[in-house]
Amino acid sequence: MKLVHVYAPLLRSSSKDDNDVDSDEVDGVISCVIDNIPVNIDAKTITPFKSVISSAGTLHEDNQTLVIALYGCWLPDHRLREYRYIMDQLFYYVYHKLEKLVVNDYVLIYFHGATPKHRTPDLKFLRKCYQMINFRLRKNLREVYVVHPTRWLRTIIALSRPFFSKKFYHKINYLYTIAELERQFPRNRLSIPAIIEQHDQTYRAQ
């Protein structure tokens, strides 16, 4: 695995406040264009889940490669009545944020710790998301770090391999503890939410 260095905090300590409004949000709607198709994102519906994505600065080594963090613990519950609608809107929101943030290369860190199965997207949804992501975002993705991967998640990723390009699949790296993550980002004092730190204890005990 490559060693990378970050000088900005990776995580928020909690999800966004219900009153948090994006700069491009008007009357509860974010209007954007995704792959030349106009899309109106229902921002009010996804407000409790907006913290699923966060910008975490740039790599110290070049000051250009962006670091994006995704948090599984902020994903919606499968048992919500409008779960599919919420997930579709949330996907458009994340995609829109990536389109705005990513100019050059970027690194993606996905925190799976403290994410119960009823908040984890299924294989069908993951495949749909990958297929919808445009070439620029795929090409500019430098590395993917999955923190606290469960056996179930690793199986899902392995089963998804036929739908991924070989280049994308080989960018995936597993980190099993916060200590491993800190070794990958040695120059940064990482701010980790309490719920993930508590979950990390179960991995350290194994």
C-alpha atoms as a PDB file:
ATOM      1  CA  MET A   1       0.000   0.000   0.000  1.00  0.00           C
ATOM      2  CA  LYS A   2       1.099   3.550  -0.626  1.00  0.00           C
ATOM      3  CA  LEU A   3       1.789   5.840   2.291  1.00  0.00           C
ATOM      4  CA  VAL A   4      -0.172   9.071   2.106  1.00  0.00           C
ATOM      5  CA  HIS A   5      -0.182  12.073   4.376  1.00  0.00           C
ATOM      6  CA  VAL A   6      -3.019  14.413   5.269  1.00  0.00           C
ATOM      7  CA  TYR A   7      -2.915  17.691   7.157  1.00  0.00           C
ATOM      8  CA  ALA A   8      -6.666  18.242   7.631  1.00  0.00           C
ATOM      9  CA  PRO A   9      -9.134  16.469   9.973  1.00  0.00           C
ATOM     10  CA  LEU A  10     -10.800  13.471   8.388  1.00  0.00           C
ATOM     11  CA  LEU A  11     -14.116  13.365  10.214  1.00  0.00           C
ATOM     12  CA  ARG A  12     -16.901  15.328  11.802  1.00  0.00           C
ATOM     13  CA  SER A  13     -17.795  14.295  15.326  1.00  0.00           C
ATOM     14  CA  SER A  14     -21.520  14.172  14.560  1.00  0.00           C
ATOM     15  CA  SER A  15     -24.017  14.357  11.709  1.00  0.00           C
ATOM     16  CA  LYS A  16     -25.116  17.709  10.295  1.00  0.00           C
ATOM     17  CA  ASP A  17     -27.713  19.783  12.082  1.00  0.00           C
ATOM     18  CA  ASP A  18     -31.219  19.744  10.635  1.00  0.00           C
ATOM     19  CA  ASN A  19     -30.895  23.464   9.935  1.00  0.00           C
ATOM     20  CA  ASP A  20     -27.709  23.063   7.896  1.00  0.00           C
ATOM     21  CA  VAL A  21     -28.303  24.354   4.358  1.00  0.00           C
ATOM     22  CA  ASP A  22     -25.954  23.897   1.408  1.00  0.00           C
ATOM     23  CA  SER A  23     -24.864  27.034  -0.448  1.00  0.00           C
ATOM     24  CA  ASP A  24     -26.591  25.828  -3.630  1.00  0.00           C
ATOM     25  CA  GLU A  25     -29.835  24.810  -1.903  1.00  0.00           C
ATOM     26  CA  VAL A  26     -32.969  26.874  -2.585  1.00  0.00           C
ATOM     27  CA  ASP A  27     -36.295  26.140  -0.872  1.00  0.00           C
ATOM     28  CA  GLY A  28     -35.211  22.642   0.053  1.00  0.00           C
ATOM     29  CA  VAL A  29     -34.042  21.759  -3.459  1.00  0.00           C
ATOM     30  CA  ILE A  30     -30.548  21.484  -4.918  1.00  0.00           C
ATOM     31  CA  SER A  31     -30.677  21.927  -8.679  1.00  0.00           C
ATOM     32  CA  CYS A  32     -27.734  20.534 -10.568  1.00  0.00           C
ATOM     33  CA  VAL A  33     -26.699  18.839 -13.783  1.00  0.00           C
ATOM     34  CA  ILE A  34     -25.325  15.300 -13.647  1.00  0.00           C
ATOM     35  CA  ASP A  35     -23.943  13.928 -16.904  1.00  0.00           C
ATOM     36  CA  ASN A  36     -25.830  16.610 -18.875  1.00  0.00           C
ATOM     37  CA  ILE A  37     -29.136  15.679 -17.209  1.00  0.00           C
ATOM     38  CA  PRO A  38     -30.900  18.259 -14.975  1.00  0.00           C
ATOM     39  CA  VAL A  39     -31.545  16.833 -11.503  1.00  0.00           C
ATOM     40  CA  ASN A  40     -33.478  18.359  -8.590  1.00  0.00           C
ATOM     41  CA  ILE A  41     -32.263  16.868  -5.311  1.00  0.00           C
ATOM     42  CA  ASP A  42     -34.755  16.745  -2.430  1.00  0.00           C
ATOM     43  CA  ALA A  43     -32.443  18.297   0.148  1.00  0.00           C
ATOM     44  CA  LYS A  44     -35.015  18.308   2.937  1.00  0.00           C
ATOM     45  CA  THR A  45     -35.425  14.536   2.762  1.00  0.00           C
ATOM     46  CA  ILE A  46     -31.693  13.827   2.934  1.00  0.00           C
ATOM     47  CA  THR A  47     -30.769  16.472   5.534  1.00  0.00           C
ATOM     48  CA  PRO A  48     -30.264  13.890   8.334  1.00  0.00           C
ATOM     49  CA  PHE A  49     -27.844  11.982   6.088  1.00  0.00           C
ATOM     50  CA  LYS A  50     -25.772  14.757   4.490  1.00  0.00           C
ATOM     51  CA  SER A  51     -22.794  13.992   6.720  1.00  0.00           C
ATOM     52  CA  VAL A  52     -22.274  10.754   4.838  1.00  0.00           C
ATOM     53  CA  ILE A  53     -19.680  12.710   2.829  1.00  0.00           C
ATOM     54  CA  SER A  54     -17.032  15.163   3.946  1.00  0.00           C
ATOM     55  CA  SER A  55     -14.023  16.854   2.406  1.00  0.00           C
ATOM     56  CA  ALA A  56     -10.885  16.207   4.453  1.00  0.00           C
ATOM     57  CA  GLY A  57      -8.258  18.454   2.927  1.00  0.00           C
ATOM     58  CA  THR A  58      -5.521  17.428   0.518  1.00  0.00           C
ATOM     59  CA  LEU A  59      -2.548  15.085   0.562  1.00  0.00           C
ATOM     60  CA  HIS A  60       0.511  16.646   2.151  1.00  0.00           C
ATOM     61  CA  GLU A  61       2.780  15.223  -0.532  1.00  0.00           C
ATOM     62  CA  ASP A  62       1.360  17.308  -3.377  1.00  0.00           C
ATOM     63  CA  ASN A  63      -1.231  19.677  -1.835  1.00  0.00           C
ATOM     64  CA  GLN A  64      -3.550  18.902  -4.769  1.00  0.00           C
ATOM     65  CA  THR A  65      -4.962  15.400  -4.287  1.00  0.00           C
ATOM     66  CA  LEU A  66      -8.233  15.754  -2.401  1.00  0.00           C
ATOM     67  CA  VAL A  67      -9.212  13.442   0.455  1.00  0.00           C
ATOM     68  CA  ILE A  68     -12.902  12.544   0.676  1.00  0.00           C
ATOM     69  CA  ALA A  69     -14.350  10.693   3.658  1.00  0.00           C
ATOM     70  CA  LEU A  70     -17.548   8.635   3.576  1.00  0.00           C
ATOM     71  CA  TYR A  71     -19.191   7.385   6.772  1.00  0.00           C
ATOM     72  CA  GLY A  72     -21.384   4.316   6.705  1.00  0.00           C
ATOM     73  CA  CYS A  73     -22.814   5.098  10.133  1.00  0.00           C
ATOM     74  CA  TRP A  74     -24.657   8.103   8.654  1.00  0.00           C
ATOM     75  CA  LEU A  75     -26.452   6.097   5.947  1.00  0.00           C
ATOM     76  CA  PRO A  76     -30.263   5.677   6.143  1.00  0.00           C
ATOM     77  CA  ASP A  77     -31.933   2.644   7.670  1.00  0.00           C
ATOM     78  CA  HIS A  78     -33.363   0.018   5.287  1.00  0.00           C
ATOM     79  CA  ARG A  79     -36.525  -0.006   7.412  1.00  0.00           C
ATOM     80  CA  LEU A  80     -37.466   3.556   6.503  1.00  0.00           C
ATOM     81  CA  ARG A  81     -40.622   3.610   4.412  1.00  0.00           C
ATOM     82  CA  GLU A  82     -39.063   5.758   1.671  1.00  0.00           C
ATOM     83  CA  TYR A  83     -35.658   4.101   1.847  1.00  0.00           C
ATOM     84  CA  ARG A  84     -35.170   3.661  -1.920  1.00  0.00           C
ATOM     85  CA  TYR A  85     -36.189   7.238  -2.635  1.00  0.00           C
ATOM     86  CA  ILE A  86     -33.881   8.553   0.098  1.00  0.00           C
ATOM     87  CA  MET A  87     -30.949   6.494  -1.181  1.00  0.00           C
ATOM     88  CA  ASP A  88     -31.465   7.705  -4.747  1.00  0.00           C
ATOM     89  CA  GLN A  89     -31.558  11.326  -3.583  1.00  0.00           C
ATOM     90  CA  LEU A  90     -28.541  10.780  -1.342  1.00  0.00           C
ATOM     91  CA  PHE A  91     -26.584   9.248  -4.213  1.00  0.00           C
ATOM     92  CA  TYR A  92     -27.297  12.306  -6.377  1.00  0.00           C
ATOM     93  CA  TYR A  93     -26.230  14.529  -3.483  1.00  0.00           C
ATOM     94  CA  VAL A  94     -22.918  12.685  -3.010  1.00  0.00           C
ATOM     95  CA  TYR A  95     -22.306  12.676  -6.752  1.00  0.00           C
ATOM     96  CA  HIS A  96     -23.046  16.406  -6.927  1.00  0.00           C
ATOM     97  CA  LYS A  97     -20.615  17.078  -4.069  1.00  0.00           C
ATOM     98  CA  LEU A  98     -17.892  15.031  -5.757  1.00  0.00           C
ATOM     99  CA  GLU A  99     -18.412  16.874  -9.033  1.00  0.00           C
ATOM    100  CA  LYS A 100     -17.962  20.198  -7.207  1.00  0.00           C
ATOM    101  CA  LEU A 101     -15.025  19.159  -5.038  1.00  0.00           C
ATOM    102  CA  VAL A 102     -12.901  16.987  -7.304  1.00  0.00           C
ATOM    103  CA  VAL A 103     -10.673  18.975  -9.656  1.00  0.00           C
ATOM    104  CA  ASN A 104      -7.630  16.728  -9.835  1.00  0.00           C
ATOM    105  CA  ASP A 105      -6.960  13.332  -8.267  1.00  0.00           C
ATOM    106  CA  TYR A 106      -8.643  12.284  -5.031  1.00  0.00           C
ATOM    107  CA  VAL A 107      -8.431   9.630  -2.328  1.00  0.00           C
ATOM    108  CA  LEU A 108     -11.565   8.067  -0.852  1.00  0.00           C
ATOM    109  CA  ILE A 109     -11.742   6.817   2.742  1.00  0.00           C
ATOM    110  CA  TYR A 110     -14.824   4.808   3.678  1.00  0.00           C
ATOM    111  CA  PHE A 111     -15.454   4.237   7.394  1.00  0.00           C
ATOM    112  CA  HIS A 112     -17.546   1.106   7.778  1.00  0.00           C
ATOM    113  CA  GLY A 113     -17.082   0.764  11.536  1.00  0.00           C
ATOM    114  CA  ALA A 114     -20.280   1.120  13.590  1.00  0.00           C
ATOM    115  CA  THR A 115     -22.409   0.581  10.463  1.00  0.00           C
ATOM    116  CA  PRO A 116     -25.062  -2.100  11.092  1.00  0.00           C
ATOM    117  CA  LYS A 117     -26.259  -4.266   8.221  1.00  0.00           C
ATOM    118  CA  HIS A 118     -29.575  -2.435   8.110  1.00  0.00           C
ATOM    119  CA  ARG A 119     -27.666   0.694   7.070  1.00  0.00           C
ATOM    120  CA  THR A 120     -25.381  -0.962   4.519  1.00  0.00           C
ATOM    121  CA  PRO A 121     -26.392  -0.621   0.822  1.00  0.00           C
ATOM    122  CA  ASP A 122     -27.044  -3.845  -1.041  1.00  0.00           C
ATOM    123  CA  LEU A 123     -25.060  -5.157  -4.001  1.00  0.00           C
ATOM    124  CA  LYS A 124     -27.632  -3.970  -6.545  1.00  0.00           C
ATOM    125  CA  PHE A 125     -27.404  -0.365  -5.342  1.00  0.00           C
ATOM    126  CA  LEU A 126     -23.590  -0.380  -5.255  1.00  0.00           C
ATOM    127  CA  ARG A 127     -23.453  -1.692  -8.801  1.00  0.00           C
ATOM    128  CA  LYS A 128     -25.886   0.991  -9.952  1.00  0.00           C
ATOM    129  CA  CYS A 129     -23.802   3.741  -8.329  1.00  0.00           C
ATOM    130  CA  TYR A 130     -20.564   2.514  -9.892  1.00  0.00           C
ATOM    131  CA  GLN A 131     -22.138   2.310 -13.335  1.00  0.00           C
ATOM    132  CA  MET A 132     -23.504   5.857 -13.054  1.00  0.00           C
ATOM    133  CA  ILE A 133     -20.232   7.487 -11.987  1.00  0.00           C
ATOM    134  CA  ASN A 134     -18.665   9.238 -14.939  1.00  0.00           C
ATOM    135  CA  PHE A 135     -15.251   8.478 -16.419  1.00  0.00           C
ATOM    136  CA  ARG A 136     -13.560  11.570 -14.946  1.00  0.00           C
ATOM    137  CA  LEU A 137     -14.411  10.631 -11.356  1.00  0.00           C
ATOM    138  CA  ARG A 138     -13.355   7.021 -11.919  1.00  0.00           C
ATOM    139  CA  LYS A 139     -10.097   8.036 -13.598  1.00  0.00           C
ATOM    140  CA  ASN A 140      -9.181  10.630 -10.960  1.00  0.00           C
ATOM    141  CA  LEU A 141      -9.749   8.241  -8.057  1.00  0.00           C
ATOM    142  CA  ARG A 142      -6.283   7.416  -6.766  1.00  0.00           C
ATOM    143  CA  GLU A 143      -6.905   5.061  -3.828  1.00  0.00           C
ATOM    144  CA  VAL A 144      -9.841   3.705  -1.795  1.00  0.00           C
ATOM    145  CA  TYR A 145      -9.326   2.909   1.883  1.00  0.00           C
ATOM    146  CA  VAL A 146     -11.981   0.830   3.642  1.00  0.00           C
ATOM    147  CA  VAL A 147     -11.678   1.177   7.419  1.00  0.00           C
ATOM    148  CA  HIS A 148     -13.136  -1.580   9.642  1.00  0.00           C
ATOM    149  CA  PRO A 149     -14.244  -3.883   6.806  1.00  0.00           C
ATOM    150  CA  THR A 150     -16.397  -6.779   7.984  1.00  0.00           C
ATOM    151  CA  ARG A 151     -16.202 -10.221   6.403  1.00  0.00           C
ATOM    152  CA  TRP A 152     -19.649  -9.548   4.944  1.00  0.00           C
ATOM    153  CA  LEU A 153     -18.498  -6.294   3.330  1.00  0.00           C
ATOM    154  CA  ARG A 154     -15.371  -7.910   1.905  1.00  0.00           C
ATOM    155  CA  THR A 155     -17.578 -10.623   0.420  1.00  0.00           C
ATOM    156  CA  ILE A 156     -19.878  -8.011  -1.144  1.00  0.00           C
ATOM    157  CA  ILE A 157     -16.892  -6.208  -2.668  1.00  0.00           C
ATOM    158  CA  ALA A 158     -15.486  -9.500  -3.977  1.00  0.00           C
ATOM    159  CA  LEU A 159     -18.844 -10.384  -5.538  1.00  0.00           C
ATOM    160  CA  SER A 160     -18.903  -6.937  -7.157  1.00  0.00           C
ATOM    161  CA  ARG A 161     -15.553  -7.473  -8.845  1.00  0.00           C
ATOM    162  CA  PRO A 162     -17.077  -8.442 -12.242  1.00  0.00           C
ATOM    163  CA  PHE A 163     -18.779  -5.025 -12.346  1.00  0.00           C
ATOM    164  CA  PHE A 164     -15.630  -3.055 -11.490  1.00  0.00           C
ATOM    165  CA  SER A 165     -12.754  -2.288 -13.802  1.00  0.00           C
ATOM    166  CA  LYS A 166      -9.501  -4.041 -12.897  1.00  0.00           C
ATOM    167  CA  LYS A 167      -7.894  -0.673 -12.192  1.00  0.00           C
ATOM    168  CA  PHE A 168     -10.655   0.296  -9.772  1.00  0.00           C
ATOM    169  CA  TYR A 169     -10.614  -3.016  -7.914  1.00  0.00           C
ATOM    170  CA  HIS A 170      -6.849  -2.840  -7.355  1.00  0.00           C
ATOM    171  CA  LYS A 171      -7.226   0.607  -5.791  1.00  0.00           C
ATOM    172  CA  ILE A 172      -9.128  -0.856  -2.816  1.00  0.00           C
ATOM    173  CA  ASN A 173      -7.153  -1.182   0.433  1.00  0.00           C
ATOM    174  CA  TYR A 174      -8.433  -2.589   3.734  1.00  0.00           C
ATOM    175  CA  LEU A 175      -7.497  -1.049   7.083  1.00  0.00           C
ATOM    176  CA  TYR A 176      -8.725  -3.022  10.089  1.00  0.00           C
ATOM    177  CA  THR A 177      -8.030  -0.600  12.943  1.00  0.00           C
ATOM    178  CA  ILE A 178      -7.703   3.109  13.608  1.00  0.00           C
ATOM    179  CA  ALA A 179      -4.037   2.462  14.384  1.00  0.00           C
ATOM    180  CA  GLU A 180      -3.498   1.232  10.808  1.00  0.00           C
ATOM    181  CA  LEU A 181      -5.249   4.334   9.499  1.00  0.00           C
ATOM    182  CA  GLU A 182      -3.005   6.552  11.614  1.00  0.00           C
ATOM    183  CA  ARG A 183       0.060   4.827  10.178  1.00  0.00           C
ATOM    184  CA  GLN A 184      -1.227   5.598   6.688  1.00  0.00           C
ATOM    185  CA  PHE A 185      -1.690   9.252   7.694  1.00  0.00           C
ATOM    186  CA  PRO A 186       1.186   9.752  10.148  1.00  0.00           C
ATOM    187  CA  ARG A 187       1.337  13.541  10.015  1.00  0.00           C
ATOM    188  CA  ASN A 188      -2.259  14.117  10.983  1.00  0.00           C
ATOM    189  CA  ARG A 189      -4.021  13.866  14.308  1.00  0.00           C
ATOM    190  CA  LEU A 190      -7.220  12.194  13.193  1.00  0.00           C
ATOM    191  CA  SER A 191     -10.499  13.229  14.776  1.00  0.00           C
ATOM    192  CA  ILE A 192     -12.676  10.118  14.949  1.00  0.00           C
ATOM    193  CA  PRO A 193     -16.302  10.107  16.162  1.00  0.00           C
ATOM    194  CA  ALA A 194     -16.832   8.342  19.481  1.00  0.00           C
ATOM    195  CA  ILE A 195     -19.115   5.721  17.930  1.00  0.00           C
ATOM    196  CA  ILE A 196     -16.329   4.617  15.564  1.00  0.00           C
ATOM    197  CA  GLU A 197     -13.660   4.697  18.272  1.00  0.00           C
ATOM    198  CA  GLN A 198     -15.833   2.459  20.442  1.00  0.00           C
ATOM    199  CA  HIS A 199     -16.299   0.066  17.542  1.00  0.00           C
ATOM    200  CA  ASP A 200     -12.535   0.068  16.954  1.00  0.00           C
ATOM    201  CA  GLN A 201     -12.028  -1.571  20.333  1.00  0.00           C
ATOM    202  CA  THR A 202     -13.660  -4.774  19.068  1.00  0.00           C
ATOM    203  CA  TYR A 203     -11.138  -4.921  16.197  1.00  0.00           C
ATOM    204  CA  ARG A 204      -8.172  -4.321  18.495  1.00  0.00           C
ATOM    205  CA  ALA A 205      -9.385  -7.159  20.702  1.00  0.00           C
ATOM    206  CA  GLN A 206      -9.345  -9.678  17.821  1.00  0.00           C
END
